[in-house]
C-alpha atoms as a PDB file:
ATOM      1  CA  MET A   1      10.478 -34.976  17.701  1.00  0.00           C
ATOM      2  CA  ALA A   2      13.590 -33.379  16.234  1.00  0.00           C
ATOM      3  CA  ARG A   3      13.646 -31.544  12.966  1.00  0.00           C
ATOM      4  CA  PRO A   4      14.977 -33.668  10.067  1.00  0.00           C
ATOM      5  CA  LYS A   5      18.572 -33.003   9.064  1.00  0.00           C
ATOM      6  CA  LYS A   6      19.146 -31.048   5.899  1.00  0.00           C
ATOM      7  CA  GLN A   7      20.861 -32.577   2.936  1.00  0.00           C
ATOM      8  CA  PRO A   8      24.326 -31.147   2.197  1.00  0.00           C
ATOM      9  CA  PHE A   9      22.983 -29.196  -0.793  1.00  0.00           C
ATOM     10  CA  GLU A  10      20.289 -27.608   1.431  1.00  0.00           C
ATOM     11  CA  LYS A  11      22.652 -26.271   4.083  1.00  0.00           C
ATOM     12  CA  ARG A  12      23.385 -22.580   4.050  1.00  0.00           C
ATOM     13  CA  ASP A  13      27.017 -22.679   4.972  1.00  0.00           C
ATOM     14  CA  GLN A  14      28.315 -19.988   2.615  1.00  0.00           C
ATOM     15  CA  ARG A  15      28.505 -16.265   3.352  1.00  0.00           C
ATOM     16  CA  PHE A  16      28.207 -13.370   0.957  1.00  0.00           C
ATOM     17  CA  ASN A  17      28.950 -10.103   2.700  1.00  0.00           C
ATOM     18  CA  LEU A  18      27.369  -6.911   1.449  1.00  0.00           C
ATOM     19  CA  ARG A  19      27.662  -3.333   2.609  1.00  0.00           C
ATOM     20  CA  TYR A  20      24.634  -1.093   2.964  1.00  0.00           C
ATOM     21  CA  THR A  21      24.056   2.485   3.994  1.00  0.00           C
ATOM     22  CA  GLN A  22      22.009   3.105   7.125  1.00  0.00           C
ATOM     23  CA  ALA A  23      19.102   4.254   4.936  1.00  0.00           C
ATOM     24  CA  GLU A  24      19.272   1.049   2.870  1.00  0.00           C
ATOM     25  CA  ILE A  25      19.263  -1.087   6.018  1.00  0.00           C
ATOM     26  CA  GLU A  26      16.200   0.771   7.315  1.00  0.00           C
ATOM     27  CA  HIS A  27      14.475   0.291   3.958  1.00  0.00           C
ATOM     28  CA  ILE A  28      15.171  -3.457   4.067  1.00  0.00           C
ATOM     29  CA  ARG A  29      13.986  -3.709   7.676  1.00  0.00           C
ATOM     30  CA  LEU A  30      10.729  -1.888   6.964  1.00  0.00           C
ATOM     31  CA  ALA A  31      10.046  -3.854   3.779  1.00  0.00           C
ATOM     32  CA  ALA A  32      10.787  -7.130   5.581  1.00  0.00           C
ATOM     33  CA  GLN A  33       8.474  -6.156   8.424  1.00  0.00           C
ATOM     34  CA  LYS A  34       5.671  -5.352   5.970  1.00  0.00           C
ATOM     35  CA  ALA A  35       6.218  -8.722   4.269  1.00  0.00           C
ATOM     36  CA  GLY A  36       6.259 -10.522   7.614  1.00  0.00           C
ATOM     37  CA  LEU A  37       9.821 -11.787   7.106  1.00  0.00           C
ATOM     38  CA  HIS A  38      13.125 -11.541   8.918  1.00  0.00           C
ATOM     39  CA  PRO A  39      15.357  -8.963   7.170  1.00  0.00           C
ATOM     40  CA  HIS A  40      17.876 -11.652   6.181  1.00  0.00           C
ATOM     41  CA  GLU A  41      15.194 -13.822   4.595  1.00  0.00           C
ATOM     42  CA  TYR A  42      13.696 -10.806   2.848  1.00  0.00           C
ATOM     43  CA  ALA A  43      17.094  -9.805   1.397  1.00  0.00           C
ATOM     44  CA  ARG A  44      17.795 -13.417   0.356  1.00  0.00           C
ATOM     45  CA  ARG A  45      14.492 -13.710  -1.476  1.00  0.00           C
ATOM     46  CA  ARG A  46      14.899 -10.358  -3.184  1.00  0.00           C
ATOM     47  CA  SER A  47      18.445 -11.122  -4.278  1.00  0.00           C
ATOM     48  CA  LEU A  48      17.461 -14.521  -5.675  1.00  0.00           C
ATOM     49  CA  SER A  49      14.392 -13.086  -7.412  1.00  0.00           C
ATOM     50  CA  ALA A  50      12.127 -15.233  -5.309  1.00  0.00           C
ATOM     51  CA  PRO A  51       8.707 -13.697  -4.820  1.00  0.00           C
ATOM     52  CA  VAL A  52       8.292 -11.518  -1.773  1.00  0.00           C
ATOM     53  CA  ALA A  53       4.579 -11.218  -1.222  1.00  0.00           C
ATOM     54  CA  THR A  54       3.370  -8.236   0.719  1.00  0.00           C
ATOM     55  CA  PRO A  55       0.180  -8.953   2.606  1.00  0.00           C
ATOM     56  CA  LYS A  56      -2.790  -6.961   1.442  1.00  0.00           C
ATOM     57  CA  SER A  57      -4.927  -5.381   4.063  1.00  0.00           C
ATOM     58  CA  GLY A  58      -8.123  -6.158   2.176  1.00  0.00           C
ATOM     59  CA  ARG A  59      -9.708  -3.101   3.739  1.00  0.00           C
ATOM     60  CA  ALA A  60      -9.763  -0.892   0.655  1.00  0.00           C
ATOM     61  CA  ASP A  61     -12.736  -1.479  -1.598  1.00  0.00           C
ATOM     62  CA  PRO A  62     -11.811  -0.643  -5.217  1.00  0.00           C
ATOM     63  CA  ALA A  63     -15.254   0.872  -5.862  1.00  0.00           C
ATOM     64  CA  LEU A  64     -14.878   3.091  -2.814  1.00  0.00           C
ATOM     65  CA  ILE A  65     -11.426   4.210  -3.921  1.00  0.00           C
ATOM     66  CA  ASN A  66     -12.878   5.064  -7.334  1.00  0.00           C
ATOM     67  CA  GLU A  67     -15.646   7.128  -5.740  1.00  0.00           C
ATOM     68  CA  LEU A  68     -13.211   8.990  -3.509  1.00  0.00           C
ATOM     69  CA  ASN A  69     -11.039   9.690  -6.549  1.00  0.00           C
ATOM     70  CA  ARG A  70     -14.037  11.146  -8.395  1.00  0.00           C
ATOM     71  CA  ILE A  71     -14.790  13.408  -5.443  1.00  0.00           C
ATOM     72  CA  GLY A  72     -11.173  14.525  -5.389  1.00  0.00           C
ATOM     73  CA  VAL A  73     -11.349  15.371  -9.083  1.00  0.00           C
ATOM     74  CA  ASN A  74     -14.492  17.428  -8.482  1.00  0.00           C
ATOM     75  CA  LEU A  75     -12.856  19.269  -5.586  1.00  0.00           C
ATOM     76  CA  ASN A  76      -9.869  20.036  -7.778  1.00  0.00           C
ATOM     77  CA  GLN A  77     -12.123  21.397 -10.533  1.00  0.00           C
ATOM     78  CA  ILE A  78     -13.956  23.592  -8.027  1.00  0.00           C
ATOM     79  CA  ALA A  79     -10.668  24.910  -6.630  1.00  0.00           C
ATOM     80  CA  ARG A  80      -9.448  25.728 -10.133  1.00  0.00           C
ATOM     81  CA  ALA A  81     -12.740  27.458 -10.910  1.00  0.00           C
ATOM     82  CA  LEU A  82     -12.471  29.487  -7.709  1.00  0.00           C
ATOM     83  CA  ASN A  83      -8.990  30.595  -8.665  1.00  0.00           C
ATOM     84  CA  ARG A  84     -10.357  31.820 -11.990  1.00  0.00           C
ATOM     85  CA  GLY A  85     -13.244  33.666 -10.307  1.00  0.00           C
ATOM     86  CA  ARG A  86     -15.987  31.426 -11.752  1.00  0.00           C
ATOM     87  CA  GLU A  87     -19.329  30.961  -9.988  1.00  0.00           C
ATOM     88  CA  PHE A  88     -19.901  27.319  -9.142  1.00  0.00           C
ATOM     89  CA  GLU A  89     -23.007  26.984  -6.976  1.00  0.00           C
ATOM     90  CA  GLU A  90     -24.301  23.967  -8.934  1.00  0.00           C
ATOM     91  CA  ASP A  91     -20.932  22.244  -8.463  1.00  0.00           C
ATOM     92  CA  TRP A  92     -21.323  22.437  -4.680  1.00  0.00           C
ATOM     93  CA  ASP A  93     -24.675  20.642  -4.917  1.00  0.00           C
ATOM     94  CA  GLU A  94     -23.171  17.857  -7.024  1.00  0.00           C
ATOM     95  CA  LEU A  95     -20.193  17.536  -4.695  1.00  0.00           C
ATOM     96  CA  ALA A  96     -22.423  17.403  -1.602  1.00  0.00           C
ATOM     97  CA  PHE A  97     -24.530  14.670  -3.234  1.00  0.00           C
ATOM     98  CA  GLU A  98     -21.454  12.595  -4.081  1.00  0.00           C
ATOM     99  CA  LEU A  99     -20.005  13.063  -0.602  1.00  0.00           C
ATOM    100  CA  ARG A 100     -23.245  11.884   1.016  1.00  0.00           C
ATOM    101  CA  ARG A 101     -23.451   8.894  -1.334  1.00  0.00           C
ATOM    102  CA  THR A 102     -19.849   7.895  -0.663  1.00  0.00           C
ATOM    103  CA  LEU A 103     -20.259   8.366   3.078  1.00  0.00           C
ATOM    104  CA  ASN A 104     -23.256   6.038   2.948  1.00  0.00           C
ATOM    105  CA  LEU A 105     -21.116   3.459   1.106  1.00  0.00           C
ATOM    106  CA  VAL A 106     -18.416   3.716   3.750  1.00  0.00           C
ATOM    107  CA  MET A 107     -20.894   3.415   6.602  1.00  0.00           C
ATOM    108  CA  ALA A 108     -22.568   0.399   4.982  1.00  0.00           C
ATOM    109  CA  SER A 109     -19.265  -1.423   4.387  1.00  0.00           C
ATOM    110  CA  ASP A 110     -17.011  -3.171   6.860  1.00  0.00           C
ATOM    111  CA  GLY A 111     -14.281  -0.679   5.998  1.00  0.00           C
ATOM    112  CA  PRO A 112     -12.586   1.943   8.128  1.00  0.00           C
END
């Protein structure tokens, strides 16, 4: 069965030529690929303010990201303390505990 014919107001018979730099073209191509669209359709939607949804991987658990952020903060505090010459043996114990706990969360999840 053939596709139904478009109404005259639905036909895209007009051109609007734009010039881009090579870097801009690459940016559009990559963004379109991430959105699962052809670059022309991506540019059309963006220019007409139509929503361009980027698919979410769904692999990142917000609670896990929060835990990893906390560990990163602790590592940063330890590094700063080291640079100041402070002893921090108790900080290592806390960091090791948090790393083990987070590793257990990762292993128990369906994540990476």
